[in-house]
Amino acid sequence: MNQEKTVMVGGELLNVGEAFTLTDTVLISSHVDTLSTPVPGWFGTFALAGAANKLPFFNVRNSAICDEAWNNQDTRDTAAFGMRILSISVRWIVPLAGNPRENIAVPPYYIEHYEQPPLWTAFMPMNSALILRVQQDEKLKAQCSMLSAGSGIVTGGFGQGGEAAGFLEFQSVTAQGNMGVPHQRNKFAFPEVIDIPRRASVNAEIIFSDYAKALLSHMTGPGDVTIYQSADSEDTVNIPAIFGVQVELKGQRLVQQRGQLHA
């Protein structure tokens, strides 16, 4: 850990500031419906996410109730330790292995599987807002497209296509599209440090515009990613595709001083 600043009161050592990033993720996938324990704020379909109107972060989940890949919080409704927040990032997640396939049509129109990734990573950030609160104070209210991805995978481009049943079938559209290159430096920096006391309530929520909710109501699935069992076999297995949004708060956590490093 990086020990950066020591907090002293009356000559007594209290805390040190360690570099830390707080992470929480909302998933949208049929995989959500297969979990033995429901995860609050996760959705099985795009339509359910749109009907909920907002995606909640930092006050409904912790690492004990969902995979640590998606959340690294020790507590759920209050901060486990004091923090100094320096920046925030928002990453919109799409499937990395081909395209989710969905054969269910919702009349009069439905958004097909190959249209979903670019809509999720481009139109949704432009048609949603993020609000960050500490206790009851609003610390940030901004359109999501203003908040850089900050970290994660970046790539893209069209995959191989083929003629199927007389029409062009896209095997993939894009692997990941973000608001800027997802580098640790590319985060939205707050003009002033945001102090979060220990046991304070912290929450963020992404709120969809009416346009975004209309799009989500016409997006089927998410469907499945089709994986071939081997190169010379037509046998396939379908794995639920995962869409999501990940929010990161980067700064320092204030913890009791730990052992010194010695040469």
C-alpha atoms as a PDB file:
ATOM      1  CA  MET A   1       0.000   0.000   0.000  1.00  0.00           C
ATOM      2  CA  ASN A   2       1.089   3.573  -0.599  1.00  0.00           C
ATOM      3  CA  GLN A   3       1.314   5.457   2.683  1.00  0.00           C
ATOM      4  CA  GLU A   4       1.047   9.077   1.604  1.00  0.00           C
ATOM      5  CA  LYS A   5      -0.021  11.313   4.483  1.00  0.00           C
ATOM      6  CA  THR A   6      -0.149  10.864   8.225  1.00  0.00           C
ATOM      7  CA  VAL A   7      -2.909  12.509  10.265  1.00  0.00           C
ATOM      8  CA  MET A   8      -1.707  13.792  13.685  1.00  0.00           C
ATOM      9  CA  VAL A   9      -3.803  15.185  16.546  1.00  0.00           C
ATOM     10  CA  GLY A  10      -1.989  16.561  19.601  1.00  0.00           C
ATOM     11  CA  GLY A  11       1.185  14.716  18.624  1.00  0.00           C
ATOM     12  CA  GLU A  12      -0.656  11.371  18.604  1.00  0.00           C
ATOM     13  CA  LEU A  13      -0.587   9.280  15.442  1.00  0.00           C
ATOM     14  CA  LEU A  14      -4.092   8.511  14.199  1.00  0.00           C
ATOM     15  CA  ASN A  15      -4.344   7.558  10.538  1.00  0.00           C
ATOM     16  CA  VAL A  16      -2.416   7.319   7.304  1.00  0.00           C
ATOM     17  CA  GLY A  17      -3.800   7.940   3.840  1.00  0.00           C
ATOM     18  CA  GLU A  18      -3.504   5.008   1.450  1.00  0.00           C
ATOM     19  CA  ALA A  19      -4.257   5.187  -2.260  1.00  0.00           C
ATOM     20  CA  PHE A  20      -7.555   3.391  -2.825  1.00  0.00           C
ATOM     21  CA  THR A  21     -10.313   3.068  -5.420  1.00  0.00           C
ATOM     22  CA  LEU A  22     -13.873   2.232  -4.388  1.00  0.00           C
ATOM     23  CA  THR A  23     -15.710   0.233  -7.072  1.00  0.00           C
ATOM     24  CA  ASP A  24     -19.318  -0.805  -7.625  1.00  0.00           C
ATOM     25  CA  THR A  25     -21.065  -2.245 -10.684  1.00  0.00           C
ATOM     26  CA  VAL A  26     -24.617  -2.702 -11.948  1.00  0.00           C
ATOM     27  CA  LEU A  27     -25.101  -5.717 -14.234  1.00  0.00           C
ATOM     28  CA  ILE A  28     -27.857  -6.325 -16.785  1.00  0.00           C
ATOM     29  CA  SER A  29     -27.931  -9.943 -17.929  1.00  0.00           C
ATOM     30  CA  SER A  30     -30.059 -13.079 -17.855  1.00  0.00           C
ATOM     31  CA  HIS A  31     -27.184 -14.428 -15.723  1.00  0.00           C
ATOM     32  CA  VAL A  32     -28.631 -12.294 -12.906  1.00  0.00           C
ATOM     33  CA  ASP A  33     -31.756 -14.473 -12.807  1.00  0.00           C
ATOM     34  CA  THR A  34     -29.681 -17.645 -12.296  1.00  0.00           C
ATOM     35  CA  LEU A  35     -27.956 -16.455  -9.111  1.00  0.00           C
ATOM     36  CA  SER A  36     -28.889 -18.319  -5.930  1.00  0.00           C
ATOM     37  CA  THR A  37     -29.040 -15.042  -3.990  1.00  0.00           C
ATOM     38  CA  PRO A  38     -30.555 -11.983  -5.719  1.00  0.00           C
ATOM     39  CA  VAL A  39     -28.215  -8.992  -5.968  1.00  0.00           C
ATOM     40  CA  PRO A  40     -29.919  -5.648  -5.223  1.00  0.00           C
ATOM     41  CA  GLY A  41     -29.930  -3.231  -8.136  1.00  0.00           C
ATOM     42  CA  TRP A  42     -29.041  -5.811 -10.805  1.00  0.00           C
ATOM     43  CA  PHE A  43     -31.485  -6.523 -13.650  1.00  0.00           C
ATOM     44  CA  GLY A  44     -32.284  -9.492 -15.849  1.00  0.00           C
ATOM     45  CA  THR A  45     -33.395  -7.417 -18.857  1.00  0.00           C
ATOM     46  CA  PHE A  46     -32.901  -3.982 -20.390  1.00  0.00           C
ATOM     47  CA  ALA A  47     -36.639  -3.332 -20.020  1.00  0.00           C
ATOM     48  CA  LEU A  48     -36.517  -3.894 -16.250  1.00  0.00           C
ATOM     49  CA  ALA A  49     -33.531  -1.534 -15.911  1.00  0.00           C
ATOM     50  CA  GLY A  50     -35.377   1.167 -17.858  1.00  0.00           C
ATOM     51  CA  ALA A  51     -38.542   0.707 -15.827  1.00  0.00           C
ATOM     52  CA  ALA A  52     -36.522   1.147 -12.603  1.00  0.00           C
ATOM     53  CA  ASN A  53     -35.544   4.620 -13.879  1.00  0.00           C
ATOM     54  CA  LYS A  54     -32.170   4.639 -12.060  1.00  0.00           C
ATOM     55  CA  LEU A  55     -29.121   2.472 -11.385  1.00  0.00           C
ATOM     56  CA  PRO A  56     -27.912   2.558  -7.735  1.00  0.00           C
ATOM     57  CA  PHE A  57     -24.261   2.448  -6.571  1.00  0.00           C
ATOM     58  CA  PHE A  58     -22.347   2.223  -3.260  1.00  0.00           C
ATOM     59  CA  ASN A  59     -25.305   1.878  -0.870  1.00  0.00           C
ATOM     60  CA  VAL A  60     -27.059  -1.356  -1.896  1.00  0.00           C
ATOM     61  CA  ARG A  61     -24.267  -3.921  -2.479  1.00  0.00           C
ATOM     62  CA  ASN A  62     -20.971  -5.084  -0.996  1.00  0.00           C
ATOM     63  CA  SER A  63     -18.418  -7.736  -1.950  1.00  0.00           C
ATOM     64  CA  ALA A  64     -20.136 -10.341   0.254  1.00  0.00           C
ATOM     65  CA  ILE A  65     -23.295 -10.390  -1.850  1.00  0.00           C
ATOM     66  CA  CYS A  66     -21.769 -10.146  -5.329  1.00  0.00           C
ATOM     67  CA  ASP A  67     -18.509 -11.142  -6.995  1.00  0.00           C
ATOM     68  CA  GLU A  68     -15.502  -9.097  -5.915  1.00  0.00           C
ATOM     69  CA  ALA A  69     -14.832  -8.493  -9.609  1.00  0.00           C
ATOM     70  CA  TRP A  70     -17.842  -6.162  -9.505  1.00  0.00           C
ATOM     71  CA  ASN A  71     -17.616  -4.655  -6.022  1.00  0.00           C
ATOM     72  CA  ASN A  72     -14.838  -4.128  -3.440  1.00  0.00           C
ATOM     73  CA  GLN A  73     -16.847  -2.631  -0.550  1.00  0.00           C
ATOM     74  CA  ASP A  74     -16.649  -4.108   2.947  1.00  0.00           C
ATOM     75  CA  THR A  75     -19.889  -2.464   4.027  1.00  0.00           C
ATOM     76  CA  ARG A  76     -23.057  -1.652   2.173  1.00  0.00           C
ATOM     77  CA  ASP A  77     -24.941   1.387   3.493  1.00  0.00           C
ATOM     78  CA  THR A  78     -22.133   3.325   5.226  1.00  0.00           C
ATOM     79  CA  ALA A  79     -18.448   3.974   4.564  1.00  0.00           C
ATOM     80  CA  ALA A  80     -16.173   1.399   6.222  1.00  0.00           C
ATOM     81  CA  PHE A  81     -13.408   4.008   6.611  1.00  0.00           C
ATOM     82  CA  GLY A  82     -12.852   7.698   6.070  1.00  0.00           C
ATOM     83  CA  MET A  83     -11.890   8.699   2.531  1.00  0.00           C
ATOM     84  CA  ARG A  84     -10.636  11.664   0.556  1.00  0.00           C
ATOM     85  CA  ILE A  85     -12.165  11.389  -2.922  1.00  0.00           C
ATOM     86  CA  LEU A  86     -10.152  12.947  -5.750  1.00  0.00           C
ATOM     87  CA  SER A  87     -11.949  11.742  -8.895  1.00  0.00           C
ATOM     88  CA  ILE A  88     -14.747   9.627 -10.341  1.00  0.00           C
ATOM     89  CA  SER A  89     -15.085   7.486 -13.478  1.00  0.00           C
ATOM     90  CA  VAL A  90     -17.960   5.677 -15.208  1.00  0.00           C
ATOM     91  CA  ARG A  91     -17.385   2.680 -17.468  1.00  0.00           C
ATOM     92  CA  TRP A  92     -20.135   1.197 -19.655  1.00  0.00           C
ATOM     93  CA  ILE A  93     -19.562  -2.539 -20.103  1.00  0.00           C
ATOM     94  CA  VAL A  94     -20.566  -4.621 -23.147  1.00  0.00           C
ATOM     95  CA  PRO A  95     -19.883  -8.275 -24.065  1.00  0.00           C
ATOM     96  CA  LEU A  96     -16.365  -8.946 -25.302  1.00  0.00           C
ATOM     97  CA  ALA A  97     -17.051 -12.229 -27.101  1.00  0.00           C
ATOM     98  CA  GLY A  98     -19.084 -11.563 -30.200  1.00  0.00           C
ATOM     99  CA  ASN A  99     -22.636 -10.341 -30.070  1.00  0.00           C
ATOM    100  CA  PRO A 100     -25.495 -11.282 -27.786  1.00  0.00           C
ATOM    101  CA  ARG A 101     -28.089 -13.161 -29.839  1.00  0.00           C
ATOM    102  CA  GLU A 102     -31.762 -12.626 -29.215  1.00  0.00           C
ATOM    103  CA  ASN A 103     -34.603 -13.954 -31.370  1.00  0.00           C
ATOM    104  CA  ILE A 104     -37.547 -12.439 -29.526  1.00  0.00           C
ATOM    105  CA  ALA A 105     -39.347  -9.711 -31.462  1.00  0.00           C
ATOM    106  CA  VAL A 106     -41.303  -7.045 -29.560  1.00  0.00           C
ATOM    107  CA  PRO A 107     -43.776  -5.364 -31.923  1.00  0.00           C
ATOM    108  CA  PRO A 108     -43.975  -2.890 -33.478  1.00  0.00           C
ATOM    109  CA  TYR A 109     -40.185  -2.593 -33.438  1.00  0.00           C
ATOM    110  CA  TYR A 110     -37.303  -4.062 -31.533  1.00  0.00           C
ATOM    111  CA  ILE A 111     -33.629  -3.214 -31.349  1.00  0.00           C
ATOM    112  CA  GLU A 112     -31.626  -6.169 -32.632  1.00  0.00           C
ATOM    113  CA  HIS A 113     -28.677  -7.773 -30.887  1.00  0.00           C
ATOM    114  CA  TYR A 114     -25.999  -6.209 -33.106  1.00  0.00           C
ATOM    115  CA  GLU A 115     -27.321  -2.708 -32.378  1.00  0.00           C
ATOM    116  CA  GLN A 116     -27.191  -3.031 -28.587  1.00  0.00           C
ATOM    117  CA  PRO A 117     -23.435  -2.560 -27.812  1.00  0.00           C
ATOM    118  CA  PRO A 118     -23.009   0.794 -29.611  1.00  0.00           C
ATOM    119  CA  LEU A 119     -26.304   2.037 -28.183  1.00  0.00           C
ATOM    120  CA  TRP A 120     -25.208   1.065 -24.676  1.00  0.00           C
ATOM    121  CA  THR A 121     -21.769   2.675 -24.868  1.00  0.00           C
ATOM    122  CA  ALA A 122     -22.702   5.821 -26.824  1.00  0.00           C
ATOM    123  CA  PHE A 123     -26.378   6.794 -26.602  1.00  0.00           C
ATOM    124  CA  MET A 124     -26.945   5.739 -22.991  1.00  0.00           C
ATOM    125  CA  PRO A 125     -24.125   7.907 -21.507  1.00  0.00           C
ATOM    126  CA  MET A 126     -25.439  10.888 -23.474  1.00  0.00           C
ATOM    127  CA  ASN A 127     -28.965  10.278 -22.211  1.00  0.00           C
ATOM    128  CA  SER A 128     -28.344   9.708 -18.527  1.00  0.00           C
ATOM    129  CA  ALA A 129     -27.096  11.691 -15.542  1.00  0.00           C
ATOM    130  CA  LEU A 130     -25.036  10.694 -12.507  1.00  0.00           C
ATOM    131  CA  ILE A 131     -25.653  12.157  -9.048  1.00  0.00           C
ATOM    132  CA  LEU A 132     -23.133  11.575  -6.230  1.00  0.00           C
ATOM    133  CA  ARG A 133     -24.174  12.232  -2.633  1.00  0.00           C
ATOM    134  CA  VAL A 134     -22.323  12.130   0.689  1.00  0.00           C
ATOM    135  CA  GLN A 135     -24.904  12.062   3.474  1.00  0.00           C
ATOM    136  CA  GLN A 136     -27.567  14.400   2.011  1.00  0.00           C
ATOM    137  CA  ASP A 137     -25.164  16.699   0.163  1.00  0.00           C
ATOM    138  CA  GLU A 138     -25.010  16.496  -3.625  1.00  0.00           C
ATOM    139  CA  LYS A 139     -21.334  16.544  -4.619  1.00  0.00           C
ATOM    140  CA  LEU A 140     -21.807  16.004  -8.360  1.00  0.00           C
ATOM    141  CA  LYS A 141     -24.614  16.121 -10.917  1.00  0.00           C
ATOM    142  CA  ALA A 142     -23.457  15.628 -14.502  1.00  0.00           C
ATOM    143  CA  GLN A 143     -24.270  13.942 -17.785  1.00  0.00           C
ATOM    144  CA  CYS A 144     -22.576  10.536 -17.863  1.00  0.00           C
ATOM    145  CA  SER A 145     -20.773  11.251 -21.140  1.00  0.00           C
ATOM    146  CA  MET A 146     -18.749  13.916 -19.281  1.00  0.00           C
ATOM    147  CA  LEU A 147     -17.330  11.317 -16.891  1.00  0.00           C
ATOM    148  CA  SER A 148     -14.401   9.430 -18.440  1.00  0.00           C
ATOM    149  CA  ALA A 149     -14.110   5.651 -18.255  1.00  0.00           C
ATOM    150  CA  GLY A 150     -10.886   5.839 -16.269  1.00  0.00           C
ATOM    151  CA  SER A 151      -9.899   2.178 -16.430  1.00  0.00           C
ATOM    152  CA  GLY A 152     -10.693  -1.023 -18.253  1.00  0.00           C
ATOM    153  CA  ILE A 153     -10.450  -2.584 -21.680  1.00  0.00           C
ATOM    154  CA  VAL A 154     -10.597  -0.621 -24.914  1.00  0.00           C
ATOM    155  CA  THR A 155     -10.817  -2.028 -28.438  1.00  0.00           C
ATOM    156  CA  GLY A 156     -13.349  -2.125 -31.234  1.00  0.00           C
ATOM    157  CA  GLY A 157     -14.115  -2.583 -34.914  1.00  0.00           C
ATOM    158  CA  PHE A 158     -16.248  -4.925 -36.971  1.00  0.00           C
ATOM    159  CA  GLY A 159     -15.684  -8.644 -36.771  1.00  0.00           C
ATOM    160  CA  GLN A 160     -15.980 -11.132 -39.593  1.00  0.00           C
ATOM    161  CA  GLY A 161     -19.392 -11.187 -41.217  1.00  0.00           C
ATOM    162  CA  GLY A 162     -21.082 -13.785 -43.351  1.00  0.00           C
ATOM    163  CA  GLU A 163     -24.153 -14.260 -45.486  1.00  0.00           C
ATOM    164  CA  ALA A 164     -26.852 -16.068 -43.535  1.00  0.00           C
ATOM    165  CA  ALA A 165     -30.377 -16.640 -44.839  1.00  0.00           C
ATOM    166  CA  GLY A 166     -29.869 -13.923 -47.443  1.00  0.00           C
ATOM    167  CA  PHE A 167     -28.772 -11.136 -45.108  1.00  0.00           C
ATOM    168  CA  LEU A 168     -25.489  -9.918 -43.704  1.00  0.00           C
ATOM    169  CA  GLU A 169     -24.896 -11.313 -40.242  1.00  0.00           C
ATOM    170  CA  PHE A 170     -22.503  -9.415 -38.010  1.00  0.00           C
ATOM    171  CA  GLN A 171     -20.570 -11.620 -35.619  1.00  0.00           C
ATOM    172  CA  SER A 172     -19.512  -8.642 -33.503  1.00  0.00           C
ATOM    173  CA  VAL A 173     -19.897  -4.887 -33.604  1.00  0.00           C
ATOM    174  CA  THR A 174     -17.619  -3.541 -30.923  1.00  0.00           C
ATOM    175  CA  ALA A 175     -15.813  -5.027 -27.974  1.00  0.00           C
ATOM    176  CA  GLN A 176     -15.842  -1.916 -25.844  1.00  0.00           C
ATOM    177  CA  GLY A 177     -16.622   1.733 -26.345  1.00  0.00           C
ATOM    178  CA  ASN A 178     -15.909   4.246 -23.622  1.00  0.00           C
ATOM    179  CA  MET A 179     -15.952   7.974 -22.993  1.00  0.00           C
ATOM    180  CA  GLY A 180     -12.272   8.388 -23.847  1.00  0.00           C
ATOM    181  CA  VAL A 181      -9.408   5.937 -23.545  1.00  0.00           C
ATOM    182  CA  PRO A 182      -9.791   4.041 -20.233  1.00  0.00           C
ATOM    183  CA  HIS A 183      -6.521   5.077 -18.612  1.00  0.00           C
ATOM    184  CA  GLN A 184      -6.138   5.680 -14.869  1.00  0.00           C
ATOM    185  CA  ARG A 185      -5.371   9.354 -15.529  1.00  0.00           C
ATOM    186  CA  ASN A 186      -8.536   9.845 -17.566  1.00  0.00           C
ATOM    187  CA  LYS A 187     -10.974  10.393 -14.740  1.00  0.00           C
ATOM    188  CA  PHE A 188     -13.237  13.309 -13.823  1.00  0.00           C
ATOM    189  CA  ALA A 189     -11.239  15.199 -11.193  1.00  0.00           C
ATOM    190  CA  PHE A 190     -13.174  17.114  -8.550  1.00  0.00           C
ATOM    191  CA  PRO A 191     -12.139  20.791  -8.193  1.00  0.00           C
ATOM    192  CA  GLU A 192     -11.803  20.186  -4.443  1.00  0.00           C
ATOM    193  CA  VAL A 193     -11.178  17.033  -2.420  1.00  0.00           C
ATOM    194  CA  ILE A 194     -14.401  15.422  -1.170  1.00  0.00           C
ATOM    195  CA  ASP A 195     -14.077  14.240   2.430  1.00  0.00           C
ATOM    196  CA  ILE A 196     -16.119  11.200   3.450  1.00  0.00           C
ATOM    197  CA  PRO A 197     -16.242  10.550   7.214  1.00  0.00           C
ATOM    198  CA  ARG A 198     -16.206   6.967   8.467  1.00  0.00           C
ATOM    199  CA  ARG A 199     -19.714   5.504   8.694  1.00  0.00           C
ATOM    200  CA  ALA A 200     -21.113   8.265   6.463  1.00  0.00           C
ATOM    201  CA  SER A 201     -23.657   7.300   3.825  1.00  0.00           C
ATOM    202  CA  VAL A 202     -22.349   7.439   0.247  1.00  0.00           C
ATOM    203  CA  ASN A 203     -24.429   6.809  -2.833  1.00  0.00           C
ATOM    204  CA  ALA A 204     -24.416   7.453  -6.535  1.00  0.00           C
ATOM    205  CA  GLU A 205     -27.220   6.897  -8.977  1.00  0.00           C
ATOM    206  CA  ILE A 206     -27.498   7.015 -12.738  1.00  0.00           C
ATOM    207  CA  ILE A 207     -30.847   8.394 -13.897  1.00  0.00           C
ATOM    208  CA  PHE A 208     -32.097   7.714 -17.428  1.00  0.00           C
ATOM    209  CA  SER A 209     -33.731  10.323 -19.639  1.00  0.00           C
ATOM    210  CA  ASP A 210     -37.140   9.567 -21.151  1.00  0.00           C
ATOM    211  CA  TYR A 211     -35.387   8.893 -24.455  1.00  0.00           C
ATOM    212  CA  ALA A 212     -33.062   6.356 -22.837  1.00  0.00           C
ATOM    213  CA  LYS A 213     -35.995   4.617 -21.131  1.00  0.00           C
ATOM    214  CA  ALA A 214     -37.800   4.401 -24.469  1.00  0.00           C
ATOM    215  CA  LEU A 215     -34.736   2.782 -26.048  1.00  0.00           C
ATOM    216  CA  LEU A 216     -34.378   0.304 -23.188  1.00  0.00           C
ATOM    217  CA  SER A 217     -38.031  -0.694 -23.446  1.00  0.00           C
ATOM    218  CA  HIS A 218     -37.406  -1.785 -27.072  1.00  0.00           C
ATOM    219  CA  MET A 219     -34.102  -3.585 -26.418  1.00  0.00           C
ATOM    220  CA  THR A 220     -34.669  -7.314 -26.077  1.00  0.00           C
ATOM    221  CA  GLY A 221     -32.560  -9.432 -23.783  1.00  0.00           C
ATOM    222  CA  PRO A 222     -29.625  -9.137 -23.285  1.00  0.00           C
ATOM    223  CA  GLY A 223     -29.395 -12.447 -25.094  1.00  0.00           C
ATOM    224  CA  ASP A 224     -26.600 -14.988 -25.158  1.00  0.00           C
ATOM    225  CA  VAL A 225     -23.074 -15.191 -26.500  1.00  0.00           C
ATOM    226  CA  THR A 226     -22.751 -18.304 -28.664  1.00  0.00           C
ATOM    227  CA  ILE A 227     -19.510 -20.236 -28.182  1.00  0.00           C
ATOM    228  CA  TYR A 228     -18.417 -23.132 -30.401  1.00  0.00           C
ATOM    229  CA  GLN A 229     -17.200 -26.170 -28.493  1.00  0.00           C
ATOM    230  CA  SER A 230     -14.300 -26.726 -30.899  1.00  0.00           C
ATOM    231  CA  ALA A 231     -12.924 -25.423 -34.189  1.00  0.00           C
ATOM    232  CA  ASP A 232     -14.164 -28.427 -36.188  1.00  0.00           C
ATOM    233  CA  SER A 233     -17.539 -28.847 -34.497  1.00  0.00           C
ATOM    234  CA  GLU A 234     -20.919 -27.224 -34.963  1.00  0.00           C
ATOM    235  CA  ASP A 235     -21.782 -27.922 -31.323  1.00  0.00           C
ATOM    236  CA  THR A 236     -22.309 -24.696 -29.406  1.00  0.00           C
ATOM    237  CA  VAL A 237     -23.043 -23.517 -25.901  1.00  0.00           C
ATOM    238  CA  ASN A 238     -24.874 -20.304 -25.076  1.00  0.00           C
ATOM    239  CA  ILE A 239     -23.514 -18.114 -22.270  1.00  0.00           C
ATOM    240  CA  PRO A 240     -25.547 -15.145 -20.980  1.00  0.00           C
ATOM    241  CA  ALA A 241     -24.193 -11.843 -22.299  1.00  0.00           C
ATOM    242  CA  ILE A 242     -23.346  -9.239 -19.657  1.00  0.00           C
ATOM    243  CA  PHE A 243     -23.961  -5.509 -19.993  1.00  0.00           C
ATOM    244  CA  GLY A 244     -23.284  -3.150 -17.132  1.00  0.00           C
ATOM    245  CA  VAL A 245     -22.063   0.137 -15.692  1.00  0.00           C
ATOM    246  CA  GLN A 246     -19.112   0.430 -13.299  1.00  0.00           C
ATOM    247  CA  VAL A 247     -18.502   3.507 -11.148  1.00  0.00           C
ATOM    248  CA  GLU A 248     -15.157   4.145  -9.434  1.00  0.00           C
ATOM    249  CA  LEU A 249     -14.303   6.666  -6.716  1.00  0.00           C
ATOM    250  CA  LYS A 250     -10.544   7.195  -6.546  1.00  0.00           C
ATOM    251  CA  GLY A 251      -8.646   8.814  -3.694  1.00  0.00           C
ATOM    252  CA  GLN A 252      -7.246   7.858  -0.294  1.00  0.00           C
ATOM    253  CA  ARG A 253      -8.688   5.819   2.517  1.00  0.00           C
ATOM    254  CA  LEU A 254      -7.707   6.762   6.071  1.00  0.00           C
ATOM    255  CA  VAL A 255      -6.577   3.734   8.080  1.00  0.00           C
ATOM    256  CA  GLN A 256      -4.556   3.027  11.213  1.00  0.00           C
ATOM    257  CA  GLN A 257      -0.825   3.157  10.662  1.00  0.00           C
ATOM    258  CA  ARG A 258       0.708  -0.130   9.572  1.00  0.00           C
ATOM    259  CA  GLY A 259       4.204  -1.570   9.878  1.00  0.00           C
ATOM    260  CA  GLN A 260       7.020   0.475   8.384  1.00  0.00           C
ATOM    261  CA  LEU A 261       8.945  -0.754   5.355  1.00  0.00           C
ATOM    262  CA  HIS A 262      12.653  -1.260   6.107  1.00  0.00           C
ATOM    263  CA  ALA A 263      15.577  -1.969   3.797  1.00  0.00           C
END
